Amino acid sequence: MKSIFATKRQSGPEMTTELDEAVAPPFRLSDAMAKREPVVDADNLWEALRVDELLDAAKEGNLAEVRRLCEEADVDPDARGYMGWTAAHWAARQGHMDVLEYLHEIGANLDTLDRKGDCLLHKAAANGQAKACAWLLQHSFNVQAVNNNGMTPIDLVREKATTSRDATTVRCEALLVKECECTF
């Protein structure tokens, strides 16, 4: 009768057990390398890097770099990064009005939603960006838009106001509340 415990036996330079081989055959690096497929091709990798550069430039408010990437490097201004954010999402969240206006001028889709269902107004409100909120409201953004979590821009600015009562956040909250009252 065979023991329930795996027995060790010599196999090449290392010791293996019958149990090891029963669970998985011995690993050979040469086999793994021969079957390796490239994750992405060079063109897709290059494009992904350019999109990251665009998103970083929008996040930092670097209008010259956003312009260069969109006009000279032909990066799609609606390209999405992590969580479906576009350059416009970052510009709104950070309050970079010049970048937001430029993206609007070149026809970027400002109605885009990220994976959480947030529109640009959600992003601006969540970060207390009063000027960005005012600009977005002037461009017909819906103050009562609901994201995937059932939250409106007002809900998000109020959430921020619980931790930060800085003047910009207070102005942003007042602006959105006033706009909401006007829509009823």
Protein backbone atom coordinates (compact mmCIF):
# COMPACT_ATOMS: atom_id res chain seq x y z
CA MET A 1 0.00 0.00 0.00
CA LYS A 2 1.26 3.42 -0.93
CA SER A 3 1.76 6.05 1.73
CA ILE A 4 -0.50 9.12 1.66
CA PHE A 5 2.61 11.23 2.09
CA ALA A 6 4.48 12.25 -1.03
CA THR A 7 7.80 10.57 -1.45
CA LYS A 8 10.85 12.48 -2.55
CA ARG A 9 12.85 11.35 -5.51
CA GLN A 10 15.73 12.83 -7.42
CA SER A 11 14.77 14.66 -10.63
CA GLY A 12 17.53 16.67 -12.16
CA PRO A 13 19.46 18.98 -9.86
CA GLU A 14 16.49 19.56 -7.55
CA MET A 15 14.36 17.34 -5.41
CA THR A 16 10.71 17.01 -6.40
CA THR A 17 7.89 14.94 -5.01
CA GLU A 18 5.34 12.78 -6.71
CA LEU A 19 2.74 15.19 -5.37
CA ASP A 20 4.46 18.11 -7.13
CA GLU A 21 4.29 16.32 -10.46
CA ALA A 22 0.73 15.18 -9.89
CA VAL A 23 -0.38 18.77 -9.32
CA ALA A 24 1.68 20.40 -12.05
CA PRO A 25 4.34 19.17 -14.43
CA PRO A 26 7.87 20.42 -13.84
CA PHE A 27 8.32 24.07 -14.88
CA ARG A 28 10.76 24.71 -17.69
CA LEU A 29 11.71 28.29 -18.45
CA SER A 30 12.43 27.43 -22.09
CA ASP A 31 8.83 26.21 -22.53
CA ALA A 32 7.43 29.39 -21.01
CA MET A 33 9.61 31.61 -23.19
CA ALA A 34 8.66 29.77 -26.38
CA LYS A 35 4.93 30.27 -25.72
CA ARG A 36 5.20 33.91 -24.67
CA GLU A 37 2.94 36.31 -26.58
CA PRO A 38 3.58 40.06 -26.66
CA VAL A 39 1.17 41.91 -24.38
CA VAL A 40 0.81 44.88 -26.69
CA ASP A 41 2.37 45.84 -29.96
CA ALA A 42 4.67 48.84 -30.25
CA ASP A 43 2.04 51.08 -31.85
CA ASN A 44 -0.47 50.49 -29.06
CA LEU A 45 2.18 51.01 -26.41
CA TRP A 46 3.27 54.27 -28.04
CA GLU A 47 -0.34 55.45 -28.23
CA ALA A 48 -0.96 54.52 -24.58
CA LEU A 49 2.09 56.52 -23.52
CA ARG A 50 0.88 59.53 -25.50
CA VAL A 51 -2.57 59.29 -23.87
CA ASP A 52 -0.92 59.19 -20.44
CA GLU A 53 1.08 62.29 -21.38
CA LEU A 54 -2.14 64.08 -22.40
CA LEU A 55 -3.92 63.15 -19.18
CA ASP A 56 -0.94 64.23 -17.08
CA ALA A 57 -0.72 67.55 -18.95
CA ALA A 58 -4.44 68.20 -18.40
CA LYS A 59 -4.12 67.25 -14.72
CA GLU A 60 -1.21 69.68 -14.32
CA GLY A 61 -2.90 72.46 -16.29
CA ASN A 62 -0.17 72.49 -18.93
CA LEU A 63 -2.12 73.98 -21.83
CA ALA A 64 0.92 74.17 -24.13
CA GLU A 65 1.54 70.44 -23.74
CA VAL A 66 -2.16 69.57 -24.14
CA ARG A 67 -2.23 71.65 -27.33
CA ARG A 68 1.00 70.07 -28.65
CA LEU A 69 -0.23 66.54 -28.01
CA CYS A 70 -3.63 67.14 -29.61
CA GLU A 71 -2.39 69.13 -32.60
CA GLU A 72 1.10 67.83 -33.36
CA ALA A 73 1.13 64.31 -31.91
CA ASP A 74 -2.47 63.70 -33.02
CA VAL A 75 -3.60 62.31 -29.65
CA ASP A 76 -7.37 61.91 -29.41
CA PRO A 77 -8.62 64.51 -26.88
CA ASP A 78 -11.34 62.02 -25.88
CA ALA A 79 -8.88 59.22 -25.14
CA ARG A 80 -9.55 57.54 -21.82
CA GLY A 81 -7.19 56.57 -19.06
CA TYR A 82 -7.65 55.00 -15.66
CA MET A 83 -11.31 54.63 -14.65
CA GLY A 84 -12.39 56.09 -17.99
CA TRP A 85 -11.17 59.61 -17.24
CA THR A 86 -10.46 61.93 -20.16
CA ALA A 87 -8.34 65.07 -20.28
CA ALA A 88 -11.56 67.04 -19.75
CA HIS A 89 -12.32 65.12 -16.54
CA TRP A 90 -8.89 66.06 -15.19
CA ALA A 91 -9.15 69.69 -16.28
CA ALA A 92 -12.56 70.02 -14.59
CA ARG A 93 -11.41 68.28 -11.41
CA GLN A 94 -8.32 70.45 -11.10
CA GLY A 95 -10.07 73.66 -12.18
CA HIS A 96 -7.82 74.27 -15.19
CA MET A 97 -10.18 76.52 -17.11
CA ASP A 98 -7.82 77.25 -20.00
CA VAL A 99 -7.40 73.53 -20.69
CA LEU A 100 -11.15 72.94 -20.39
CA GLU A 101 -11.91 75.80 -22.79
CA TYR A 102 -9.29 74.57 -25.27
CA LEU A 103 -10.74 71.05 -25.23
CA HIS A 104 -14.18 72.55 -25.84
CA GLU A 105 -12.84 74.63 -28.76
CA ILE A 106 -11.33 71.62 -30.52
CA GLY A 107 -14.54 69.62 -30.17
CA ALA A 108 -13.68 67.23 -27.36
CA ASN A 109 -16.70 65.37 -26.02
CA LEU A 110 -17.48 67.16 -22.76
CA ASP A 111 -20.57 65.01 -22.14
CA THR A 112 -18.49 61.91 -21.50
CA LEU A 113 -18.95 59.89 -18.32
CA ASP A 114 -16.25 57.94 -16.51
CA ARG A 115 -16.72 54.38 -15.23
CA LYS A 116 -18.40 55.65 -12.06
CA GLY A 117 -20.90 57.59 -14.16
CA ASP A 118 -19.36 60.95 -13.22
CA CYS A 119 -19.65 63.81 -15.68
CA LEU A 120 -17.31 66.80 -15.67
CA LEU A 121 -19.59 68.65 -13.24
CA HIS A 122 -19.29 65.77 -10.77
CA LYS A 123 -15.49 66.01 -10.97
CA ALA A 124 -15.40 69.78 -10.52
CA ALA A 125 -17.91 69.71 -7.65
CA ALA A 126 -16.15 66.85 -5.85
CA ASN A 127 -13.01 68.96 -5.75
CA GLY A 128 -14.75 72.26 -4.93
CA GLN A 129 -13.81 73.96 -8.22
CA ALA A 130 -16.26 76.89 -8.27
CA LYS A 131 -15.00 78.44 -11.54
CA ALA A 132 -15.12 75.13 -13.36
CA CYS A 133 -18.63 74.47 -12.00
CA ALA A 134 -19.80 77.91 -13.15
CA TRP A 135 -18.34 77.36 -16.63
CA LEU A 136 -19.91 73.91 -16.92
CA LEU A 137 -23.30 75.23 -15.80
CA GLN A 138 -23.05 77.98 -18.44
CA HIS A 139 -22.51 75.18 -20.95
CA SER A 140 -25.74 73.45 -19.91
CA PHE A 141 -24.41 70.75 -17.62
CA ASN A 142 -27.15 69.24 -15.47
CA VAL A 143 -26.69 70.01 -11.78
CA GLN A 144 -29.02 67.10 -11.02
CA ALA A 145 -27.06 64.50 -13.01
CA VAL A 146 -26.82 61.27 -11.04
CA ASN A 147 -23.76 59.01 -11.14
CA ASN A 148 -23.67 55.22 -10.64
CA ASN A 149 -23.66 55.70 -6.86
CA GLY A 150 -26.83 57.81 -7.00
CA MET A 151 -24.95 61.02 -6.24
CA THR A 152 -25.37 64.44 -7.85
CA PRO A 153 -22.69 67.14 -8.09
CA ILE A 154 -24.36 68.84 -5.10
CA ASP A 155 -24.01 65.65 -3.04
CA LEU A 156 -20.31 65.50 -3.92
CA VAL A 157 -19.56 69.14 -3.07
CA ARG A 158 -21.42 68.76 0.22
CA GLU A 159 -19.35 65.67 0.96
CA LYS A 160 -16.19 67.71 0.33
CA ALA A 161 -17.54 70.57 2.46
CA THR A 162 -17.72 68.24 5.47
CA THR A 163 -13.92 68.00 5.44
CA SER A 164 -12.98 71.35 3.90
CA ARG A 165 -14.80 74.62 4.42
CA ASP A 166 -12.41 76.67 2.30
CA ALA A 167 -13.89 79.65 0.45
CA THR A 168 -13.80 78.00 -2.97
CA THR A 169 -15.68 74.92 -1.80
CA VAL A 170 -18.29 77.10 -0.04
CA ARG A 171 -18.75 79.18 -3.24
CA CYS A 172 -19.02 76.01 -5.29
CA GLU A 173 -21.67 74.58 -2.98
CA ALA A 174 -23.67 77.84 -3.01
CA LEU A 175 -23.48 78.03 -6.81
CA LEU A 176 -24.74 74.49 -7.30
CA VAL A 177 -27.52 74.85 -4.72
CA LYS A 178 -28.67 78.09 -6.37
CA GLU A 179 -28.64 76.44 -9.80
CA CYS A 180 -30.60 73.50 -8.45
CA GLU A 181 -33.25 75.83 -6.98
CA CYS A 182 -33.57 77.59 -10.33
CA THR A 183 -34.29 74.36 -12.18
CA PHE A 184 -37.45 73.54 -10.22
